[in-house]
Amino acid sequence: MTLKEKLGYQFVITAELDPPRGSNPDATLAEARALQQLVDAVNISDSPQANLRMTPLVAAHLVQTQTDLEVIAHFTCRDRNVLGLQAELLGAHALGLKNVLVLNGDSPERGDHPTAKGVFELDAVGLAKLVKNLNTGHALTGRELEGGTDLHIAVAANPGTNDLEREKNRFLEKIESGAHFAQTQPVFDMQTVENFQNAFGGKPPIPVLYGILPVRSLEMAERVGKWTQIPDALMDDLRARGRIAGIEWAQRNILELRELGVAGVHLYPLGRPKVVSEVLGVPRA
């Protein structure tokens, strides 16, 4: 079954992978192979935190052709205008990629090329519309293409935001623009999830994979807490027991999310695929 077929019918698990820092894909492929018996698909990020990495289009193609994994390729608005985005999306379809996650993208100022110029001709809503248009066989201008795309569109959400009403409205805009499913920023307690679900009358209109980030230390949790909510109980547990507390918290969250009946989870191993096997309770091959 493809990811598209699984979503909404079984509990789906995805995980994040970063592309290579250079031209050699071996390390990324090794990480992908370590995950292929554990997850349903992997995300290939697009120069995360605006740091230079191999284009996700190529990295995703390599992973999908050299492992048993289905891939969700990230596309951001940071580096390409509408012409370049459409060209790469057409190429993604031609290479056999099935899923794309559309994002605004991190500002270049925060990365390793701070003088680079961000494009941001579209935002994530506009990019979702652009992909939806390509799926109908038409360019942004309305011109009919010699073959359209068939891309499953993912979008991001942040259930832990301080402005849930704004996040809800933004999420609904993304759905209206063509989103088929969502992956969220990390969540650390079920109240955050239930608040997000309840904002949509108990269940969001599209499948949502809730983010799971196994925090490794109190310092890491403090950094994450600057942009999402971290429960005091987790902070206390990390202070007392360190890394193992973060692993156990992530395991418990996955079990609780299963019980809530959500579509699945998205894991953030942050370059450490072994963490995925630890959280899922599966020994690494």
C-alpha atoms as a PDB file:
ATOM      1  CA  MET A   1       0.000   0.000   0.000  1.00  0.00           C
ATOM      2  CA  THR A   2       1.126   3.524  -0.704  1.00  0.00           C
ATOM      3  CA  LEU A   3       1.182   6.247   1.933  1.00  0.00           C
ATOM      4  CA  LYS A   4      -1.877   7.780   0.297  1.00  0.00           C
ATOM      5  CA  GLU A   5      -3.760   4.502   0.689  1.00  0.00           C
ATOM      6  CA  LYS A   6      -2.690   4.053   4.308  1.00  0.00           C
ATOM      7  CA  LEU A   7      -3.611   7.519   5.565  1.00  0.00           C
ATOM      8  CA  GLY A   8      -6.925   7.464   7.341  1.00  0.00           C
ATOM      9  CA  TYR A   9      -7.078   3.663   7.379  1.00  0.00           C
ATOM     10  CA  GLN A  10      -4.145   2.669   9.589  1.00  0.00           C
ATOM     11  CA  PHE A  11      -1.806   4.310  12.072  1.00  0.00           C
ATOM     12  CA  VAL A  12       0.961   5.820   9.927  1.00  0.00           C
ATOM     13  CA  ILE A  13       4.532   6.505  11.074  1.00  0.00           C
ATOM     14  CA  THR A  14       6.872   8.827   9.198  1.00  0.00           C
ATOM     15  CA  ALA A  15      10.300  10.197  10.095  1.00  0.00           C
ATOM     16  CA  GLU A  16      12.461  13.155   9.068  1.00  0.00           C
ATOM     17  CA  LEU A  17      15.722  12.771   7.135  1.00  0.00           C
ATOM     18  CA  ASP A  18      18.139  15.543   6.193  1.00  0.00           C
ATOM     19  CA  PRO A  19      19.829  15.438   2.772  1.00  0.00           C
ATOM     20  CA  PRO A  20      23.643  15.147   2.543  1.00  0.00           C
ATOM     21  CA  ARG A  21      25.795  18.132   3.475  1.00  0.00           C
ATOM     22  CA  GLY A  22      27.776  17.557   0.279  1.00  0.00           C
ATOM     23  CA  SER A  23      27.619  15.528  -2.923  1.00  0.00           C
ATOM     24  CA  ASN A  24      28.045  12.104  -1.279  1.00  0.00           C
ATOM     25  CA  PRO A  25      24.638  10.553  -0.446  1.00  0.00           C
ATOM     26  CA  ASP A  26      25.973   7.477   1.368  1.00  0.00           C
ATOM     27  CA  ALA A  27      25.271   8.669   4.927  1.00  0.00           C
ATOM     28  CA  THR A  28      21.694   9.684   4.103  1.00  0.00           C
ATOM     29  CA  LEU A  29      21.069   6.385   2.331  1.00  0.00           C
ATOM     30  CA  ALA A  30      22.450   4.497   5.348  1.00  0.00           C
ATOM     31  CA  GLU A  31      20.085   6.404   7.633  1.00  0.00           C
ATOM     32  CA  ALA A  32      17.189   5.635   5.291  1.00  0.00           C
ATOM     33  CA  ARG A  33      18.009   1.912   5.258  1.00  0.00           C
ATOM     34  CA  ALA A  34      18.050   1.920   9.065  1.00  0.00           C
ATOM     35  CA  LEU A  35      14.482   3.252   8.991  1.00  0.00           C
ATOM     36  CA  GLN A  36      12.944   1.195   6.209  1.00  0.00           C
ATOM     37  CA  GLN A  37      11.561  -1.550   8.458  1.00  0.00           C
ATOM     38  CA  LEU A  38      10.315   0.959  11.020  1.00  0.00           C
ATOM     39  CA  VAL A  39       8.324   3.651   9.203  1.00  0.00           C
ATOM     40  CA  ASP A  40       5.877   4.013   6.341  1.00  0.00           C
ATOM     41  CA  ALA A  41       7.686   6.935   4.692  1.00  0.00           C
ATOM     42  CA  VAL A  42      10.492   9.420   5.260  1.00  0.00           C
ATOM     43  CA  ASN A  43      10.579  13.168   4.754  1.00  0.00           C
ATOM     44  CA  ILE A  44      13.548  14.651   2.913  1.00  0.00           C
ATOM     45  CA  SER A  45      14.026  18.224   4.081  1.00  0.00           C
ATOM     46  CA  ASP A  46      14.921  21.248   1.961  1.00  0.00           C
ATOM     47  CA  SER A  47      18.108  22.867   3.365  1.00  0.00           C
ATOM     48  CA  PRO A  48      16.671  22.882   6.932  1.00  0.00           C
ATOM     49  CA  GLN A  49      17.373  25.986   9.007  1.00  0.00           C
ATOM     50  CA  ALA A  50      18.639  27.533   5.736  1.00  0.00           C
ATOM     51  CA  ASN A  51      21.861  25.504   5.859  1.00  0.00           C
ATOM     52  CA  LEU A  52      23.277  24.217   2.577  1.00  0.00           C
ATOM     53  CA  ARG A  53      22.416  20.611   1.732  1.00  0.00           C
ATOM     54  CA  MET A  54      21.787  18.568  -1.410  1.00  0.00           C
ATOM     55  CA  THR A  55      18.552  19.409  -3.211  1.00  0.00           C
ATOM     56  CA  PRO A  56      15.707  17.309  -1.753  1.00  0.00           C
ATOM     57  CA  LEU A  57      14.530  16.402  -5.250  1.00  0.00           C
ATOM     58  CA  VAL A  58      17.698  14.404  -5.940  1.00  0.00           C
ATOM     59  CA  ALA A  59      18.058  13.068  -2.391  1.00  0.00           C
ATOM     60  CA  ALA A  60      14.434  11.909  -2.369  1.00  0.00           C
ATOM     61  CA  HIS A  61      14.852  10.159  -5.713  1.00  0.00           C
ATOM     62  CA  LEU A  62      17.978   8.348  -4.470  1.00  0.00           C
ATOM     63  CA  VAL A  63      16.246   7.213  -1.276  1.00  0.00           C
ATOM     64  CA  GLN A  64      13.120   6.050  -3.074  1.00  0.00           C
ATOM     65  CA  THR A  65      15.045   4.102  -5.733  1.00  0.00           C
ATOM     66  CA  GLN A  66      17.729   2.609  -3.485  1.00  0.00           C
ATOM     67  CA  THR A  67      15.612   1.625  -0.467  1.00  0.00           C
ATOM     68  CA  ASP A  68      12.124   0.248   0.159  1.00  0.00           C
ATOM     69  CA  LEU A  69      10.921   3.588   1.489  1.00  0.00           C
ATOM     70  CA  GLU A  70       8.326   5.946   0.096  1.00  0.00           C
ATOM     71  CA  VAL A  71       9.412   9.578   0.310  1.00  0.00           C
ATOM     72  CA  ILE A  72       7.824  12.925   1.138  1.00  0.00           C
ATOM     73  CA  ALA A  73       9.978  15.600  -0.494  1.00  0.00           C
ATOM     74  CA  HIS A  74       9.997  19.078   1.019  1.00  0.00           C
ATOM     75  CA  PHE A  75       9.485  22.099  -1.229  1.00  0.00           C
ATOM     76  CA  THR A  76       9.987  25.581   0.222  1.00  0.00           C
ATOM     77  CA  CYS A  77       9.257  29.053  -1.097  1.00  0.00           C
ATOM     78  CA  ARG A  78      12.650  30.368   0.027  1.00  0.00           C
ATOM     79  CA  ASP A  79      14.923  29.584  -2.931  1.00  0.00           C
ATOM     80  CA  ARG A  80      12.809  29.447  -6.104  1.00  0.00           C
ATOM     81  CA  ASN A  81      10.371  31.649  -7.937  1.00  0.00           C
ATOM     82  CA  VAL A  82       7.144  30.254  -9.374  1.00  0.00           C
ATOM     83  CA  LEU A  83       8.894  29.198 -12.588  1.00  0.00           C
ATOM     84  CA  GLY A  84      11.565  27.222 -10.739  1.00  0.00           C
ATOM     85  CA  LEU A  85       9.066  25.659  -8.334  1.00  0.00           C
ATOM     86  CA  GLN A  86       6.853  24.433 -11.144  1.00  0.00           C
ATOM     87  CA  ALA A  87       9.830  23.068 -13.083  1.00  0.00           C
ATOM     88  CA  GLU A  88      11.038  21.063 -10.075  1.00  0.00           C
ATOM     89  CA  LEU A  89       7.571  19.792  -9.216  1.00  0.00           C
ATOM     90  CA  LEU A  90       7.130  18.524 -12.775  1.00  0.00           C
ATOM     91  CA  GLY A  91      10.520  16.847 -12.410  1.00  0.00           C
ATOM     92  CA  ALA A  92       9.506  15.299  -9.084  1.00  0.00           C
ATOM     93  CA  HIS A  93       6.511  13.643 -10.731  1.00  0.00           C
ATOM     94  CA  ALA A  94       8.628  12.435 -13.651  1.00  0.00           C
ATOM     95  CA  LEU A  95      11.078  10.851 -11.180  1.00  0.00           C
ATOM     96  CA  GLY A  96       8.255   8.902  -9.542  1.00  0.00           C
ATOM     97  CA  LEU A  97       7.932  10.903  -6.343  1.00  0.00           C
ATOM     98  CA  LYS A  98       4.412  10.747  -4.954  1.00  0.00           C
ATOM     99  CA  ASN A  99       4.337  13.132  -1.998  1.00  0.00           C
ATOM    100  CA  VAL A 100       5.440  16.711  -1.336  1.00  0.00           C
ATOM    101  CA  LEU A 101       5.388  18.796   1.836  1.00  0.00           C
ATOM    102  CA  VAL A 102       4.954  22.490   1.017  1.00  0.00           C
ATOM    103  CA  LEU A 103       6.533  24.993   3.400  1.00  0.00           C
ATOM    104  CA  ASN A 104       7.464  28.661   3.603  1.00  0.00           C
ATOM    105  CA  GLY A 105      11.078  27.745   4.423  1.00  0.00           C
ATOM    106  CA  ASP A 106      13.523  29.179   6.951  1.00  0.00           C
ATOM    107  CA  SER A 107      14.868  32.669   6.278  1.00  0.00           C
ATOM    108  CA  PRO A 108      18.447  32.668   4.871  1.00  0.00           C
ATOM    109  CA  GLU A 109      19.572  35.030   7.647  1.00  0.00           C
ATOM    110  CA  ARG A 110      19.471  32.188  10.175  1.00  0.00           C
ATOM    111  CA  GLY A 111      21.571  29.765   8.105  1.00  0.00           C
ATOM    112  CA  ASP A 112      25.127  29.328   6.854  1.00  0.00           C
ATOM    113  CA  HIS A 113      24.635  31.707   3.899  1.00  0.00           C
ATOM    114  CA  PRO A 114      23.146  34.718   5.726  1.00  0.00           C
ATOM    115  CA  THR A 115      23.668  37.119   2.801  1.00  0.00           C
ATOM    116  CA  ALA A 116      21.643  34.931   0.395  1.00  0.00           C
ATOM    117  CA  LYS A 117      18.435  36.501  -0.888  1.00  0.00           C
ATOM    118  CA  GLY A 118      15.202  34.760  -0.003  1.00  0.00           C
ATOM    119  CA  VAL A 119      12.640  34.602  -2.813  1.00  0.00           C
ATOM    120  CA  PHE A 120       9.328  33.945  -0.998  1.00  0.00           C
ATOM    121  CA  GLU A 121       7.299  34.756  -4.093  1.00  0.00           C
ATOM    122  CA  LEU A 122       4.629  32.477  -2.596  1.00  0.00           C
ATOM    123  CA  ASP A 123       3.826  31.298   0.902  1.00  0.00           C
ATOM    124  CA  ALA A 124       2.835  27.746   1.870  1.00  0.00           C
ATOM    125  CA  VAL A 125      -0.804  28.402   0.972  1.00  0.00           C
ATOM    126  CA  GLY A 126       0.160  29.693  -2.453  1.00  0.00           C
ATOM    127  CA  LEU A 127       2.522  26.779  -3.012  1.00  0.00           C
ATOM    128  CA  ALA A 128      -0.212  24.280  -2.146  1.00  0.00           C
ATOM    129  CA  LYS A 129      -2.433  25.998  -4.734  1.00  0.00           C
ATOM    130  CA  LEU A 130       0.381  25.797  -7.273  1.00  0.00           C
ATOM    131  CA  VAL A 131       0.765  22.031  -6.771  1.00  0.00           C
ATOM    132  CA  LYS A 132      -2.999  21.575  -6.921  1.00  0.00           C
ATOM    133  CA  ASN A 133      -2.974  23.426 -10.239  1.00  0.00           C
ATOM    134  CA  LEU A 134      -0.200  21.228 -11.637  1.00  0.00           C
ATOM    135  CA  ASN A 135      -2.229  18.192 -10.585  1.00  0.00           C
ATOM    136  CA  THR A 136      -4.994  19.391 -12.895  1.00  0.00           C
ATOM    137  CA  GLY A 137      -2.499  19.573 -15.763  1.00  0.00           C
ATOM    138  CA  HIS A 138      -2.159  23.360 -15.860  1.00  0.00           C
ATOM    139  CA  ALA A 139       0.633  25.836 -15.249  1.00  0.00           C
ATOM    140  CA  LEU A 140       0.136  28.781 -12.926  1.00  0.00           C
ATOM    141  CA  THR A 141      -0.664  30.907 -15.972  1.00  0.00           C
ATOM    142  CA  GLY A 142      -3.523  28.561 -16.896  1.00  0.00           C
ATOM    143  CA  ARG A 143      -1.683  27.072 -19.855  1.00  0.00           C
ATOM    144  CA  GLU A 144      -2.433  23.393 -20.387  1.00  0.00           C
ATOM    145  CA  LEU A 145       0.628  21.197 -19.852  1.00  0.00           C
ATOM    146  CA  GLU A 146       1.764  18.176 -21.829  1.00  0.00           C
ATOM    147  CA  GLY A 147       1.075  15.964 -18.834  1.00  0.00           C
ATOM    148  CA  GLY A 148       0.279  17.126 -15.306  1.00  0.00           C
ATOM    149  CA  THR A 149       1.369  15.819 -11.925  1.00  0.00           C
ATOM    150  CA  ASP A 150      -0.216  13.465  -9.413  1.00  0.00           C
ATOM    151  CA  LEU A 151       1.344  14.678  -6.181  1.00  0.00           C
ATOM    152  CA  HIS A 152      -0.074  14.027  -2.710  1.00  0.00           C
ATOM    153  CA  ILE A 153       0.140  17.396  -0.926  1.00  0.00           C
ATOM    154  CA  ALA A 154       1.217  17.662   2.710  1.00  0.00           C
ATOM    155  CA  VAL A 155       1.256  20.830   4.818  1.00  0.00           C
ATOM    156  CA  ALA A 156       2.609  21.741   8.239  1.00  0.00           C
ATOM    157  CA  ALA A 157       0.722  22.705  11.402  1.00  0.00           C
ATOM    158  CA  ASN A 158       1.694  23.747  14.917  1.00  0.00           C
ATOM    159  CA  PRO A 159      -0.807  22.553  17.551  1.00  0.00           C
ATOM    160  CA  GLY A 160       1.389  24.031  20.318  1.00  0.00           C
ATOM    161  CA  THR A 161       1.114  27.609  19.099  1.00  0.00           C
ATOM    162  CA  ASN A 162       0.005  30.338  21.476  1.00  0.00           C
ATOM    163  CA  ASP A 163      -2.568  31.526  18.921  1.00  0.00           C
ATOM    164  CA  LEU A 164      -4.657  28.454  18.167  1.00  0.00           C
ATOM    165  CA  GLU A 165      -7.433  30.395  16.402  1.00  0.00           C
ATOM    166  CA  ARG A 166      -4.958  31.846  13.917  1.00  0.00           C
ATOM    167  CA  GLU A 167      -3.401  28.409  13.380  1.00  0.00           C
ATOM    168  CA  LYS A 168      -6.824  26.895  12.772  1.00  0.00           C
ATOM    169  CA  ASN A 169      -7.691  29.507  10.147  1.00  0.00           C
ATOM    170  CA  ARG A 170      -4.329  29.108   8.450  1.00  0.00           C
ATOM    171  CA  PHE A 171      -4.763  25.332   8.426  1.00  0.00           C
ATOM    172  CA  LEU A 172      -8.196  25.649   6.831  1.00  0.00           C
ATOM    173  CA  GLU A 173      -6.681  27.920   4.163  1.00  0.00           C
ATOM    174  CA  LYS A 174      -4.124  25.218   3.362  1.00  0.00           C
ATOM    175  CA  ILE A 175      -6.876  22.614   3.053  1.00  0.00           C
ATOM    176  CA  GLU A 176      -8.868  24.895   0.762  1.00  0.00           C
ATOM    177  CA  SER A 177      -5.706  25.317  -1.324  1.00  0.00           C
ATOM    178  CA  GLY A 178      -5.386  21.573  -1.903  1.00  0.00           C
ATOM    179  CA  ALA A 179      -3.724  19.936   1.120  1.00  0.00           C
ATOM    180  CA  HIS A 180      -4.380  16.203   1.462  1.00  0.00           C
ATOM    181  CA  PHE A 181      -2.704  15.576   4.846  1.00  0.00           C
ATOM    182  CA  ALA A 182      -0.619  17.351   7.477  1.00  0.00           C
ATOM    183  CA  GLN A 183       2.468  16.786   9.610  1.00  0.00           C
ATOM    184  CA  THR A 184       2.825  18.872  12.740  1.00  0.00           C
ATOM    185  CA  GLN A 185       5.543  20.443  14.797  1.00  0.00           C
ATOM    186  CA  PRO A 186       6.363  18.336  17.899  1.00  0.00           C
ATOM    187  CA  VAL A 187       3.682  17.888  20.547  1.00  0.00           C
ATOM    188  CA  PHE A 188       4.486  16.823  24.094  1.00  0.00           C
ATOM    189  CA  ASP A 189       1.140  16.323  25.818  1.00  0.00           C
ATOM    190  CA  MET A 190      -2.310  15.138  24.865  1.00  0.00           C
ATOM    191  CA  GLN A 191      -4.034  18.315  26.014  1.00  0.00           C
ATOM    192  CA  THR A 192      -2.275  20.192  23.198  1.00  0.00           C
ATOM    193  CA  VAL A 193      -3.477  17.566  20.713  1.00  0.00           C
ATOM    194  CA  GLU A 194      -7.027  17.555  22.044  1.00  0.00           C
ATOM    195  CA  ASN A 195      -7.201  21.360  21.904  1.00  0.00           C
ATOM    196  CA  PHE A 196      -6.116  21.259  18.249  1.00  0.00           C
ATOM    197  CA  GLN A 197      -8.583  18.472  17.436  1.00  0.00           C
ATOM    198  CA  ASN A 198     -11.408  20.277  19.211  1.00  0.00           C
ATOM    199  CA  ALA A 199     -10.723  23.429  17.200  1.00  0.00           C
ATOM    200  CA  PHE A 200     -12.106  21.420  14.267  1.00  0.00           C
ATOM    201  CA  GLY A 201     -15.055  19.942  16.098  1.00  0.00           C
ATOM    202  CA  GLY A 202     -13.149  16.909  17.361  1.00  0.00           C
ATOM    203  CA  LYS A 203     -11.363  15.863  14.190  1.00  0.00           C
ATOM    204  CA  PRO A 204      -9.440  17.857  11.558  1.00  0.00           C
ATOM    205  CA  PRO A 205     -10.821  17.651   7.992  1.00  0.00           C
ATOM    206  CA  ILE A 206      -7.689  15.861   6.690  1.00  0.00           C
ATOM    207  CA  PRO A 207      -5.404  13.208   8.254  1.00  0.00           C
ATOM    208  CA  VAL A 208      -2.858  14.686  10.676  1.00  0.00           C
ATOM    209  CA  LEU A 209       0.441  13.079  11.685  1.00  0.00           C
ATOM    210  CA  TYR A 210       1.470  14.563  15.031  1.00  0.00           C
ATOM    211  CA  GLY A 211       5.131  15.386  15.556  1.00  0.00           C
ATOM    212  CA  ILE A 212       7.181  13.400  18.071  1.00  0.00           C
ATOM    213  CA  LEU A 213      10.560  14.817  19.141  1.00  0.00           C
ATOM    214  CA  PRO A 214      12.522  12.748  21.694  1.00  0.00           C
ATOM    215  CA  VAL A 215      14.288  15.538  23.573  1.00  0.00           C
ATOM    216  CA  ARG A 216      17.756  14.512  24.728  1.00  0.00           C
ATOM    217  CA  SER A 217      18.426  17.011  27.486  1.00  0.00           C
ATOM    218  CA  LEU A 218      17.000  19.832  29.564  1.00  0.00           C
ATOM    219  CA  GLU A 219      18.954  22.322  27.443  1.00  0.00           C
ATOM    220  CA  MET A 220      17.401  20.960  24.258  1.00  0.00           C
ATOM    221  CA  ALA A 221      13.918  21.179  25.792  1.00  0.00           C
ATOM    222  CA  GLU A 222      14.524  24.810  26.742  1.00  0.00           C
ATOM    223  CA  ARG A 223      15.425  25.629  23.132  1.00  0.00           C
ATOM    224  CA  VAL A 224      12.356  23.812  21.785  1.00  0.00           C
ATOM    225  CA  GLY A 225      10.192  25.561  24.378  1.00  0.00           C
ATOM    226  CA  LYS A 226      10.840  28.899  22.668  1.00  0.00           C
ATOM    227  CA  TRP A 227       8.459  27.959  19.838  1.00  0.00           C
ATOM    228  CA  THR A 228       6.099  25.336  21.289  1.00  0.00           C
ATOM    229  CA  GLN A 229       4.728  24.272  24.655  1.00  0.00           C
ATOM    230  CA  ILE A 230       6.834  21.948  26.848  1.00  0.00           C
ATOM    231  CA  PRO A 231       5.041  20.519  29.926  1.00  0.00           C
ATOM    232  CA  ASP A 232       6.620  21.297  33.296  1.00  0.00           C
ATOM    233  CA  ALA A 233       6.431  17.578  34.124  1.00  0.00           C
ATOM    234  CA  LEU A 234       8.694  16.756  31.168  1.00  0.00           C
ATOM    235  CA  MET A 235      11.158  19.465  32.167  1.00  0.00           C
ATOM    236  CA  ASP A 236      11.288  18.043  35.690  1.00  0.00           C
ATOM    237  CA  ASP A 237      11.736  14.508  34.370  1.00  0.00           C
ATOM    238  CA  LEU A 238      14.582  15.597  32.079  1.00  0.00           C
ATOM    239  CA  ARG A 239      16.214  17.410  34.978  1.00  0.00           C
ATOM    240  CA  ALA A 240      16.077  14.239  37.047  1.00  0.00           C
ATOM    241  CA  ARG A 241      16.768  11.480  34.500  1.00  0.00           C
ATOM    242  CA  GLY A 242      18.125  13.098  31.336  1.00  0.00           C
ATOM    243  CA  ARG A 243      17.920  11.450  27.909  1.00  0.00           C
ATOM    244  CA  ILE A 244      15.950   8.349  28.942  1.00  0.00           C
ATOM    245  CA  ALA A 245      13.132  10.593  30.154  1.00  0.00           C
ATOM    246  CA  GLY A 246      12.805  12.081  26.660  1.00  0.00           C
ATOM    247  CA  ILE A 247      12.686   8.636  25.045  1.00  0.00           C
ATOM    248  CA  GLU A 248      10.057   7.340  27.463  1.00  0.00           C
ATOM    249  CA  TRP A 249       7.972  10.497  27.103  1.00  0.00           C
ATOM    250  CA  ALA A 250       7.965  10.073  23.311  1.00  0.00           C
ATOM    251  CA  GLN A 251       6.975   6.397  23.645  1.00  0.00           C
ATOM    252  CA  ARG A 252       4.095   7.280  25.955  1.00  0.00           C
ATOM    253  CA  ASN A 253       2.892  10.041  23.639  1.00  0.00           C
ATOM    254  CA  ILE A 254       2.729   7.638  20.689  1.00  0.00           C
ATOM    255  CA  LEU A 255       0.661   5.165  22.707  1.00  0.00           C
ATOM    256  CA  GLU A 256      -1.698   7.932  23.815  1.00  0.00           C
ATOM    257  CA  LEU A 257      -2.039   9.231  20.254  1.00  0.00           C
ATOM    258  CA  ARG A 258      -2.961   5.732  19.077  1.00  0.00           C
ATOM    259  CA  GLU A 259      -5.648   5.621  21.748  1.00  0.00           C
ATOM    260  CA  LEU A 260      -6.975   8.994  20.577  1.00  0.00           C
ATOM    261  CA  GLY A 261      -7.430   7.514  17.110  1.00  0.00           C
ATOM    262  CA  VAL A 262      -5.321  10.064  15.201  1.00  0.00           C
ATOM    263  CA  ALA A 263      -3.951   9.279  11.735  1.00  0.00           C
ATOM    264  CA  GLY A 264      -0.375   8.749  12.920  1.00  0.00           C
ATOM    265  CA  VAL A 265       2.875  10.349  14.021  1.00  0.00           C
ATOM    266  CA  HIS A 266       5.884  12.028  12.467  1.00  0.00           C
ATOM    267  CA  LEU A 267       9.220  11.501  14.241  1.00  0.00           C
ATOM    268  CA  TYR A 268      12.071  13.995  14.373  1.00  0.00           C
ATOM    269  CA  PRO A 269      15.260  11.958  15.032  1.00  0.00           C
ATOM    270  CA  LEU A 270      17.502  14.958  14.216  1.00  0.00           C
ATOM    271  CA  GLY A 271      20.093  12.934  12.322  1.00  0.00           C
ATOM    272  CA  ARG A 272      20.015   9.971  14.694  1.00  0.00           C
ATOM    273  CA  PRO A 273      17.915   7.177  13.152  1.00  0.00           C
ATOM    274  CA  LYS A 274      18.737   4.881  16.077  1.00  0.00           C
ATOM    275  CA  VAL A 275      16.438   7.092  18.161  1.00  0.00           C
ATOM    276  CA  VAL A 276      13.493   5.996  16.012  1.00  0.00           C
ATOM    277  CA  SER A 277      14.073   2.327  16.827  1.00  0.00           C
ATOM    278  CA  GLU A 278      14.445   3.213  20.521  1.00  0.00           C
ATOM    279  CA  VAL A 279      11.189   5.154  20.595  1.00  0.00           C
ATOM    280  CA  LEU A 280       9.288   2.502  18.655  1.00  0.00           C
ATOM    281  CA  GLY A 281      10.739  -0.279  20.796  1.00  0.00           C
ATOM    282  CA  VAL A 282      12.235  -2.056  17.784  1.00  0.00           C
ATOM    283  CA  PRO A 283      15.919  -3.106  17.818  1.00  0.00           C
ATOM    284  CA  ARG A 284      17.958  -1.592  15.043  1.00  0.00           C
ATOM    285  CA  ALA A 285      19.018  -4.120  12.377  1.00  0.00           C
END
